[in-house]
PDB file of N, CA and C in Angstrom:
ATOM      1  N   UNK A   1      10.562 -14.300 -17.519  1.00  0.00           N
ATOM      2  CA  UNK A   1      10.676 -13.135 -16.653  1.00  0.00           C
ATOM      3  C   UNK A   1      11.907 -13.335 -15.759  1.00  0.00           C
ATOM      4  N   UNK A   2      12.687 -12.292 -15.611  1.00  0.00           N
ATOM      5  CA  UNK A   2      13.900 -12.379 -14.809  1.00  0.00           C
ATOM      6  C   UNK A   2      13.569 -12.459 -13.321  1.00  0.00           C
ATOM      7  N   UNK A   3      14.547 -12.851 -12.563  1.00  0.00           N
ATOM      8  CA  UNK A   3      14.356 -12.961 -11.113  1.00  0.00           C
ATOM      9  C   UNK A   3      14.068 -11.589 -10.506  1.00  0.00           C
ATOM     10  N   UNK A   4      14.725 -10.553 -11.011  1.00  0.00           N
ATOM     11  CA  UNK A   4      14.474  -9.199 -10.515  1.00  0.00           C
ATOM     12  C   UNK A   4      13.029  -8.786 -10.777  1.00  0.00           C
ATOM     13  N   UNK A   5      12.532  -9.049 -11.968  1.00  0.00           N
ATOM     14  CA  UNK A   5      11.147  -8.703 -12.302  1.00  0.00           C
ATOM     15  C   UNK A   5      10.174  -9.499 -11.444  1.00  0.00           C
ATOM     16  N   UNK A   6      10.477 -10.767 -11.187  1.00  0.00           N
ATOM     17  CA  UNK A   6       9.619 -11.575 -10.324  1.00  0.00           C
ATOM     18  C   UNK A   6       9.621 -11.037  -8.897  1.00  0.00           C
ATOM     19  N   UNK A   7      10.789 -10.618  -8.424  1.00  0.00           N
ATOM     20  CA  UNK A   7      10.893 -10.071  -7.076  1.00  0.00           C
ATOM     21  C   UNK A   7      10.110  -8.767  -6.951  1.00  0.00           C
ATOM     22  N   UNK A   8      10.243  -7.894  -7.940  1.00  0.00           N
ATOM     23  CA  UNK A   8       9.506  -6.624  -7.931  1.00  0.00           C
ATOM     24  C   UNK A   8       8.007  -6.888  -7.994  1.00  0.00           C
ATOM     25  N   UNK A   9       7.596  -7.843  -8.803  1.00  0.00           N
ATOM     26  CA  UNK A   9       6.181  -8.199  -8.894  1.00  0.00           C
ATOM     27  C   UNK A   9       5.673  -8.736  -7.555  1.00  0.00           C
ATOM     28  N   UNK A  10       6.467  -9.576  -6.903  1.00  0.00           N
ATOM     29  CA  UNK A  10       6.094 -10.111  -5.596  1.00  0.00           C
ATOM     30  C   UNK A  10       5.956  -8.987  -4.566  1.00  0.00           C
ATOM     31  N   UNK A  11       6.928  -8.080  -4.529  1.00  0.00           N
ATOM     32  CA  UNK A  11       6.861  -6.961  -3.585  1.00  0.00           C
ATOM     33  C   UNK A  11       5.648  -6.072  -3.855  1.00  0.00           C
ATOM     34  N   UNK A  12       5.351  -5.858  -5.124  1.00  0.00           N
ATOM     35  CA  UNK A  12       4.185  -5.043  -5.475  1.00  0.00           C
ATOM     36  C   UNK A  12       2.909  -5.700  -4.965  1.00  0.00           C
ATOM     37  N   UNK A  13       2.800  -7.024  -5.118  1.00  0.00           N
ATOM     38  CA  UNK A  13       1.611  -7.729  -4.625  1.00  0.00           C
ATOM     39  C   UNK A  13       1.520  -7.676  -3.111  1.00  0.00           C
ATOM     40  N   UNK A  14       2.663  -7.793  -2.426  1.00  0.00           N
ATOM     41  CA  UNK A  14       2.662  -7.714  -0.956  1.00  0.00           C
ATOM     42  C   UNK A  14       2.185  -6.336  -0.517  1.00  0.00           C
ATOM     43  N   UNK A  15       2.720  -5.290  -1.141  1.00  0.00           N
ATOM     44  CA  UNK A  15       2.310  -3.938  -0.758  1.00  0.00           C
ATOM     45  C   UNK A  15       0.872  -3.641  -1.166  1.00  0.00           C
ATOM     46  N   UNK A  16       0.414  -4.193  -2.283  1.00  0.00           N
ATOM     47  CA  UNK A  16      -1.008  -4.071  -2.643  1.00  0.00           C
ATOM     48  C   UNK A  16      -1.873  -4.616  -1.508  1.00  0.00           C
ATOM     49  N   UNK A  17      -1.518  -5.807  -1.051  1.00  0.00           N
ATOM     50  CA  UNK A  17      -2.271  -6.449   0.026  1.00  0.00           C
ATOM     51  C   UNK A  17      -2.216  -5.617   1.308  1.00  0.00           C
ATOM     52  N   UNK A  18      -1.025  -5.170   1.682  1.00  0.00           N
ATOM     53  CA  UNK A  18      -0.881  -4.383   2.913  1.00  0.00           C
ATOM     54  C   UNK A  18      -1.657  -3.069   2.836  1.00  0.00           C
ATOM     55  N   UNK A  19      -1.661  -2.444   1.679  1.00  0.00           N
ATOM     56  CA  UNK A  19      -2.417  -1.190   1.520  1.00  0.00           C
ATOM     57  C   UNK A  19      -3.910  -1.464   1.647  1.00  0.00           C
ATOM     58  N   UNK A  20      -4.380  -2.549   1.046  1.00  0.00           N
ATOM     59  CA  UNK A  20      -5.799  -2.891   1.176  1.00  0.00           C
ATOM     60  C   UNK A  20      -6.169  -3.205   2.630  1.00  0.00           C
ATOM     61  N   UNK A  21      -5.288  -3.895   3.336  1.00  0.00           N
ATOM     62  CA  UNK A  21      -5.524  -4.178   4.757  1.00  0.00           C
ATOM     63  C   UNK A  21      -5.561  -2.872   5.544  1.00  0.00           C
ATOM     64  N   UNK A  22      -4.668  -1.955   5.209  1.00  0.00           N
ATOM     65  CA  UNK A  22      -4.665  -0.652   5.895  1.00  0.00           C
ATOM     66  C   UNK A  22      -5.981   0.089   5.675  1.00  0.00           C
ATOM     67  N   UNK A  23      -6.481   0.059   4.454  1.00  0.00           N
ATOM     68  CA  UNK A  23      -7.761   0.709   4.161  1.00  0.00           C
ATOM     69  C   UNK A  23      -8.872   0.065   4.993  1.00  0.00           C
ATOM     70  N   UNK A  24      -8.874  -1.258   5.055  1.00  0.00           N
ATOM     71  CA  UNK A  24      -9.894  -1.950   5.857  1.00  0.00           C
ATOM     72  C   UNK A  24      -9.789  -1.581   7.336  1.00  0.00           C
ATOM     73  N   UNK A  25      -8.560  -1.529   7.845  1.00  0.00           N
ATOM     74  CA  UNK A  25      -8.373  -1.134   9.251  1.00  0.00           C
ATOM     75  C   UNK A  25      -8.877   0.281   9.501  1.00  0.00           C
ATOM     76  N   UNK A  26      -8.789   1.144   8.506  1.00  0.00           N
ATOM     77  CA  UNK A  26      -9.260   2.514   8.704  1.00  0.00           C
ATOM     78  C   UNK A  26     -10.788   2.583   8.770  1.00  0.00           C
ATOM     79  N   UNK A  27     -11.458   1.549   8.290  1.00  0.00           N
ATOM     80  CA  UNK A  27     -12.923   1.537   8.284  1.00  0.00           C
ATOM     81  C   UNK A  27     -13.538   0.903   9.518  1.00  0.00           C
ATOM     82  N   UNK A  28     -12.753   0.102  10.254  1.00  0.00           N
ATOM     83  CA  UNK A  28     -13.328  -0.604  11.400  1.00  0.00           C
ATOM     84  C   UNK A  28     -12.775  -0.034  12.701  1.00  0.00           C
ATOM     85  N   UNK A  29     -13.616   0.048  13.718  1.00  0.00           N
ATOM     86  CA  UNK A  29     -13.110   0.491  15.020  1.00  0.00           C
ATOM     87  C   UNK A  29     -12.309  -0.634  15.663  1.00  0.00           C
ATOM     88  N   UNK A  30     -11.106  -0.323  16.119  1.00  0.00           N
ATOM     89  CA  UNK A  30     -10.244  -1.343  16.711  1.00  0.00           C
ATOM     90  C   UNK A  30     -10.523  -1.547  18.194  1.00  0.00           C
ATOM     91  N   UNK A  31     -11.111  -0.545  18.827  1.00  0.00           N
ATOM     92  CA  UNK A  31     -11.440  -0.672  20.241  1.00  0.00           C
ATOM     93  C   UNK A  31     -10.220  -0.941  21.101  1.00  0.00           C
ATOM     94  N   UNK A  32     -10.396  -1.783  22.094  1.00  0.00           N
ATOM     95  CA  UNK A  32      -9.311  -2.093  23.029  1.00  0.00           C
ATOM     96  C   UNK A  32      -8.583  -3.380  22.673  1.00  0.00           C
ATOM     97  N   UNK A  33      -8.827  -3.928  21.513  1.00  0.00           N
ATOM     98  CA  UNK A  33      -8.204  -5.183  21.105  1.00  0.00           C
ATOM     99  C   UNK A  33      -6.726  -4.951  20.799  1.00  0.00           C
ATOM    100  N   UNK A  34      -5.866  -5.418  21.702  1.00  0.00           N
ATOM    101  CA  UNK A  34      -4.423  -5.183  21.540  1.00  0.00           C
ATOM    102  C   UNK A  34      -3.857  -5.875  20.321  1.00  0.00           C
ATOM    103  N   UNK A  35      -4.359  -7.062  20.020  1.00  0.00           N
ATOM    104  CA  UNK A  35      -3.847  -7.797  18.872  1.00  0.00           C
ATOM    105  C   UNK A  35      -4.125  -7.040  17.578  1.00  0.00           C
ATOM    106  N   UNK A  36      -5.358  -6.587  17.409  1.00  0.00           N
ATOM    107  CA  UNK A  36      -5.696  -5.825  16.207  1.00  0.00           C
ATOM    108  C   UNK A  36      -4.919  -4.522  16.134  1.00  0.00           C
ATOM    109  N   UNK A  37      -4.763  -3.867  17.272  1.00  0.00           N
ATOM    110  CA  UNK A  37      -3.998  -2.608  17.295  1.00  0.00           C
ATOM    111  C   UNK A  37      -2.538  -2.847  16.914  1.00  0.00           C
ATOM    112  N   UNK A  38      -1.971  -3.957  17.371  1.00  0.00           N
ATOM    113  CA  UNK A  38      -0.584  -4.279  17.031  1.00  0.00           C
ATOM    114  C   UNK A  38      -0.443  -4.567  15.545  1.00  0.00           C
ATOM    115  N   UNK A  39      -1.354  -5.368  15.012  1.00  0.00           N
ATOM    116  CA  UNK A  39      -1.319  -5.686  13.582  1.00  0.00           C
ATOM    117  C   UNK A  39      -1.516  -4.417  12.759  1.00  0.00           C
ATOM    118  N   UNK A  40      -2.478  -3.599  13.158  1.00  0.00           N
ATOM    119  CA  UNK A  40      -2.732  -2.348  12.436  1.00  0.00           C
ATOM    120  C   UNK A  40      -1.497  -1.444  12.480  1.00  0.00           C
ATOM    121  N   UNK A  41      -0.849  -1.368  13.630  1.00  0.00           N
ATOM    122  CA  UNK A  41       0.358  -0.557  13.752  1.00  0.00           C
ATOM    123  C   UNK A  41       1.461  -1.034  12.818  1.00  0.00           C
ATOM    124  N   UNK A  42       1.647  -2.346  12.726  1.00  0.00           N
ATOM    125  CA  UNK A  42       2.660  -2.894  11.823  1.00  0.00           C
ATOM    126  C   UNK A  42       2.324  -2.603  10.365  1.00  0.00           C
ATOM    127  N   UNK A  43       1.051  -2.740  10.018  1.00  0.00           N
ATOM    128  CA  UNK A  43       0.629  -2.463   8.645  1.00  0.00           C
ATOM    129  C   UNK A  43       0.826  -0.986   8.324  1.00  0.00           C
ATOM    130  N   UNK A  44       0.466  -0.113   9.268  1.00  0.00           N
ATOM    131  CA  UNK A  44       0.635   1.328   9.047  1.00  0.00           C
ATOM    132  C   UNK A  44       2.112   1.673   8.890  1.00  0.00           C
ATOM    133  N   UNK A  45       2.976   1.080   9.717  1.00  0.00           N
ATOM    134  CA  UNK A  45       4.412   1.358   9.610  1.00  0.00           C
ATOM    135  C   UNK A  45       4.989   0.864   8.290  1.00  0.00           C
ATOM    136  N   UNK A  46       4.490  -0.262   7.800  1.00  0.00           N
ATOM    137  CA  UNK A  46       5.008  -0.824   6.552  1.00  0.00           C
ATOM    138  C   UNK A  46       4.558  -0.027   5.334  1.00  0.00           C
ATOM    139  N   UNK A  47       3.370   0.543   5.398  1.00  0.00           N
ATOM    140  CA  UNK A  47       2.826   1.233   4.222  1.00  0.00           C
ATOM    141  C   UNK A  47       3.049   2.742   4.222  1.00  0.00           C
ATOM    142  N   UNK A  48       3.353   3.309   5.354  1.00  0.00           N
ATOM    143  CA  UNK A  48       3.513   4.771   5.422  1.00  0.00           C
ATOM    144  C   UNK A  48       4.646   5.299   4.542  1.00  0.00           C
ATOM    145  N   UNK A  49       5.789   4.584   4.400  1.00  0.00           N
ATOM    146  CA  UNK A  49       6.827   5.097   3.492  1.00  0.00           C
ATOM    147  C   UNK A  49       6.357   5.235   2.045  1.00  0.00           C
ATOM    148  N   UNK A  50       5.356   4.476   1.652  1.00  0.00           N
ATOM    149  CA  UNK A  50       4.816   4.583   0.304  1.00  0.00           C
ATOM    150  C   UNK A  50       3.689   5.608   0.258  1.00  0.00           C
ATOM    151  N   UNK A  51       2.784   5.536   1.220  1.00  0.00           N
ATOM    152  CA  UNK A  51       1.599   6.395   1.190  1.00  0.00           C
ATOM    153  C   UNK A  51       1.886   7.838   1.624  1.00  0.00           C
ATOM    154  N   UNK A  52       2.822   8.033   2.527  1.00  0.00           N
ATOM    155  CA  UNK A  52       3.126   9.376   3.039  1.00  0.00           C
ATOM    156  C   UNK A  52       3.508  10.370   1.951  1.00  0.00           C
ATOM    157  N   UNK A  53       4.505  10.040   1.126  1.00  0.00           N
ATOM    158  CA  UNK A  53       4.880  10.980   0.059  1.00  0.00           C
ATOM    159  C   UNK A  53       3.752  11.223  -0.953  1.00  0.00           C
ATOM    160  N   UNK A  54       2.991  10.175  -1.241  1.00  0.00           N
ATOM    161  CA  UNK A  54       1.876  10.338  -2.176  1.00  0.00           C
ATOM    162  C   UNK A  54       0.820  11.246  -1.567  1.00  0.00           C
ATOM    163  N   UNK A  55       0.571  11.085  -0.278  1.00  0.00           N
ATOM    164  CA  UNK A  55      -0.426  11.896   0.422  1.00  0.00           C
ATOM    165  C   UNK A  55      -0.054  13.382   0.402  1.00  0.00           C
ATOM    166  N   UNK A  56       1.248  13.675   0.415  1.00  0.00           N
ATOM    167  CA  UNK A  56       1.683  15.076   0.371  1.00  0.00           C
ATOM    168  C   UNK A  56       1.438  15.701  -1.002  1.00  0.00           C
ATOM    169  N   UNK A  57       1.371  14.868  -2.044  1.00  0.00           N
ATOM    170  CA  UNK A  57       1.181  15.368  -3.404  1.00  0.00           C
ATOM    171  C   UNK A  57      -0.290  15.380  -3.795  1.00  0.00           C
ATOM    172  N   UNK A  58      -1.007  14.301  -3.473  1.00  0.00           N
ATOM    173  CA  UNK A  58      -2.409  14.161  -3.879  1.00  0.00           C
ATOM    174  C   UNK A  58      -3.299  14.721  -2.772  1.00  0.00           C
ATOM    175  N   UNK A  59      -4.090  15.729  -3.088  1.00  0.00           N
ATOM    176  CA  UNK A  59      -4.942  16.320  -2.045  1.00  0.00           C
ATOM    177  C   UNK A  59      -6.134  15.423  -1.722  1.00  0.00           C
ATOM    178  N   UNK A  60      -6.725  15.673  -0.553  1.00  0.00           N
ATOM    179  CA  UNK A  60      -7.957  14.983  -0.198  1.00  0.00           C
ATOM    180  C   UNK A  60      -9.065  15.420  -1.145  1.00  0.00           C
ATOM    181  N   UNK A  61      -9.923  14.498  -1.512  1.00  0.00           N
ATOM    182  CA  UNK A  61     -11.051  14.805  -2.389  1.00  0.00           C
ATOM    183  C   UNK A  61     -12.322  14.517  -1.600  1.00  0.00           C
ATOM    184  N   UNK A  62     -13.011  15.568  -1.216  1.00  0.00           N
ATOM    185  CA  UNK A  62     -14.226  15.393  -0.425  1.00  0.00           C
ATOM    186  C   UNK A  62     -13.959  14.702   0.901  1.00  0.00           C
ATOM    187  N   UNK A  63     -12.789  14.916   1.462  1.00  0.00           N
ATOM    188  CA  UNK A  63     -12.427  14.288   2.725  1.00  0.00           C
ATOM    189  C   UNK A  63     -11.899  12.871   2.578  1.00  0.00           C
ATOM    190  N   UNK A  64     -11.779  12.381   1.356  1.00  0.00           N
ATOM    191  CA  UNK A  64     -11.270  11.029   1.115  1.00  0.00           C
ATOM    192  C   UNK A  64      -9.793  11.070   0.740  1.00  0.00           C
ATOM    193  N   UNK A  65      -9.037  10.156   1.339  1.00  0.00           N
ATOM    194  CA  UNK A  65      -7.620  10.018   1.037  1.00  0.00           C
ATOM    195  C   UNK A  65      -7.480   9.066  -0.147  1.00  0.00           C
ATOM    196  N   UNK A  66      -7.048   9.586  -1.274  1.00  0.00           N
ATOM    197  CA  UNK A  66      -6.907   8.778  -2.476  1.00  0.00           C
ATOM    198  C   UNK A  66      -5.511   8.183  -2.637  1.00  0.00           C
ATOM    199  N   UNK A  67      -4.632   8.405  -1.668  1.00  0.00           N
ATOM    200  CA  UNK A  67      -3.260   7.914  -1.789  1.00  0.00           C
ATOM    201  C   UNK A  67      -3.176   6.384  -1.921  1.00  0.00           C
ATOM    202  N   UNK A  68      -4.040   5.593  -1.272  1.00  0.00           N
ATOM    203  CA  UNK A  68      -3.951   4.145  -1.499  1.00  0.00           C
ATOM    204  C   UNK A  68      -4.223   3.748  -2.950  1.00  0.00           C
ATOM    205  N   UNK A  69      -5.173   4.400  -3.587  1.00  0.00           N
ATOM    206  CA  UNK A  69      -5.480   4.085  -4.984  1.00  0.00           C
ATOM    207  C   UNK A  69      -4.294   4.448  -5.870  1.00  0.00           C
ATOM    208  N   UNK A  70      -3.734   5.628  -5.651  1.00  0.00           N
ATOM    209  CA  UNK A  70      -2.588   6.078  -6.434  1.00  0.00           C
ATOM    210  C   UNK A  70      -1.400   5.138  -6.209  1.00  0.00           C
ATOM    211  N   UNK A  71      -1.175   4.734  -4.956  1.00  0.00           N
ATOM    212  CA  UNK A  71      -0.052   3.845  -4.639  1.00  0.00           C
ATOM    213  C   UNK A  71      -0.201   2.499  -5.336  1.00  0.00           C
ATOM    214  N   UNK A  72      -1.399   1.935  -5.319  1.00  0.00           N
ATOM    215  CA  UNK A  72      -1.607   0.647  -5.977  1.00  0.00           C
ATOM    216  C   UNK A  72      -1.395   0.777  -7.487  1.00  0.00           C
ATOM    217  N   UNK A  73      -1.875   1.852  -8.069  1.00  0.00           N
ATOM    218  CA  UNK A  73      -1.656   2.070  -9.505  1.00  0.00           C
ATOM    219  C   UNK A  73      -0.164   2.211  -9.821  1.00  0.00           C
ATOM    220  N   UNK A  74       0.555   2.962  -8.994  1.00  0.00           N
ATOM    221  CA  UNK A  74       1.998   3.134  -9.213  1.00  0.00           C
ATOM    222  C   UNK A  74       2.754   1.821  -9.022  1.00  0.00           C
ATOM    223  N   UNK A  75       2.367   1.038  -8.021  1.00  0.00           N
ATOM    224  CA  UNK A  75       3.016  -0.258  -7.801  1.00  0.00           C
ATOM    225  C   UNK A  75       2.806  -1.175  -9.005  1.00  0.00           C
ATOM    226  N   UNK A  76       1.621  -1.175  -9.542  1.00  0.00           N
ATOM    227  CA  UNK A  76       1.347  -2.018 -10.727  1.00  0.00           C
ATOM    228  C   UNK A  76       2.115  -1.511 -11.935  1.00  0.00           C
ATOM    229  N   UNK A  77       2.213  -0.201 -12.076  1.00  0.00           N
ATOM    230  CA  UNK A  77       2.963   0.376 -13.187  1.00  0.00           C
ATOM    231  C   UNK A  77       4.432  -0.030 -13.111  1.00  0.00           C
ATOM    232  N   UNK A  78       5.031   0.107 -11.938  1.00  0.00           N
ATOM    233  CA  UNK A  78       6.440  -0.264 -11.756  1.00  0.00           C
ATOM    234  C   UNK A  78       6.633  -1.765 -12.001  1.00  0.00           C
ATOM    235  N   UNK A  79       5.732  -2.564 -11.479  1.00  0.00           N
ATOM    236  CA  UNK A  79       5.819  -4.007 -11.678  1.00  0.00           C
ATOM    237  C   UNK A  79       5.741  -4.359 -13.154  1.00  0.00           C
ATOM    238  N   UNK A  80       4.823  -3.738 -13.874  1.00  0.00           N
ATOM    239  CA  UNK A  80       4.697  -3.994 -15.312  1.00  0.00           C
ATOM    240  C   UNK A  80       5.935  -3.536 -16.082  1.00  0.00           C
ATOM    241  N   UNK A  81       6.496  -2.406 -15.670  1.00  0.00           N
ATOM    242  CA  UNK A  81       7.709  -1.909 -16.338  1.00  0.00           C
ATOM    243  C   UNK A  81       8.856  -2.891 -16.164  1.00  0.00           C
ATOM    244  N   UNK A  82       9.033  -3.435 -14.964  1.00  0.00           N
ATOM    245  CA  UNK A  82      10.095  -4.399 -14.730  1.00  0.00           C
ATOM    246  C   UNK A  82       9.844  -5.685 -15.514  1.00  0.00           C
ATOM    247  N   UNK A  83       8.585  -6.091 -15.622  1.00  0.00           N
ATOM    248  CA  UNK A  83       8.256  -7.295 -16.377  1.00  0.00           C
ATOM    249  C   UNK A  83       8.582  -7.126 -17.861  1.00  0.00           C
ATOM    250  N   UNK A  84       8.359  -5.939 -18.386  1.00  0.00           N
ATOM    251  CA  UNK A  84       8.637  -5.688 -19.800  1.00  0.00           C
ATOM    252  C   UNK A  84      10.135  -5.577 -20.088  1.00  0.00           C
ATOM    253  N   UNK A  85      10.901  -5.132 -19.097  1.00  0.00           N
ATOM    254  CA  UNK A  85      12.348  -5.017 -19.280  1.00  0.00           C
ATOM    255  C   UNK A  85      13.015  -6.386 -19.306  1.00  0.00           C
ATOM    256  N   UNK A  86      12.390  -7.340 -18.675  1.00  0.00           N
ATOM    257  CA  UNK A  86      13.009  -8.669 -18.566  1.00  0.00           C
ATOM    258  C   UNK A  86      12.834  -9.481 -19.823  1.00  0.00           C
TER     259      UNK A  86
END
């Protein structure tokens, strides 16, 4: 596997993790904990460039935001495509 494919695969795994953390943060009340709020803010800022455009295309289903699932699938697809090109 080429270095570019490895880098894309690494980035895809990082964003997979960040998206999953974002989903978890959306399920728990953060309260007044500044540390958690800061971490959540950083995670939201890092993932919004990926999830925002997807959210504009994929509608809510029963009040559920499916953009994280779509984003993870797209990240894996791109990662696999780069792996096959190498």
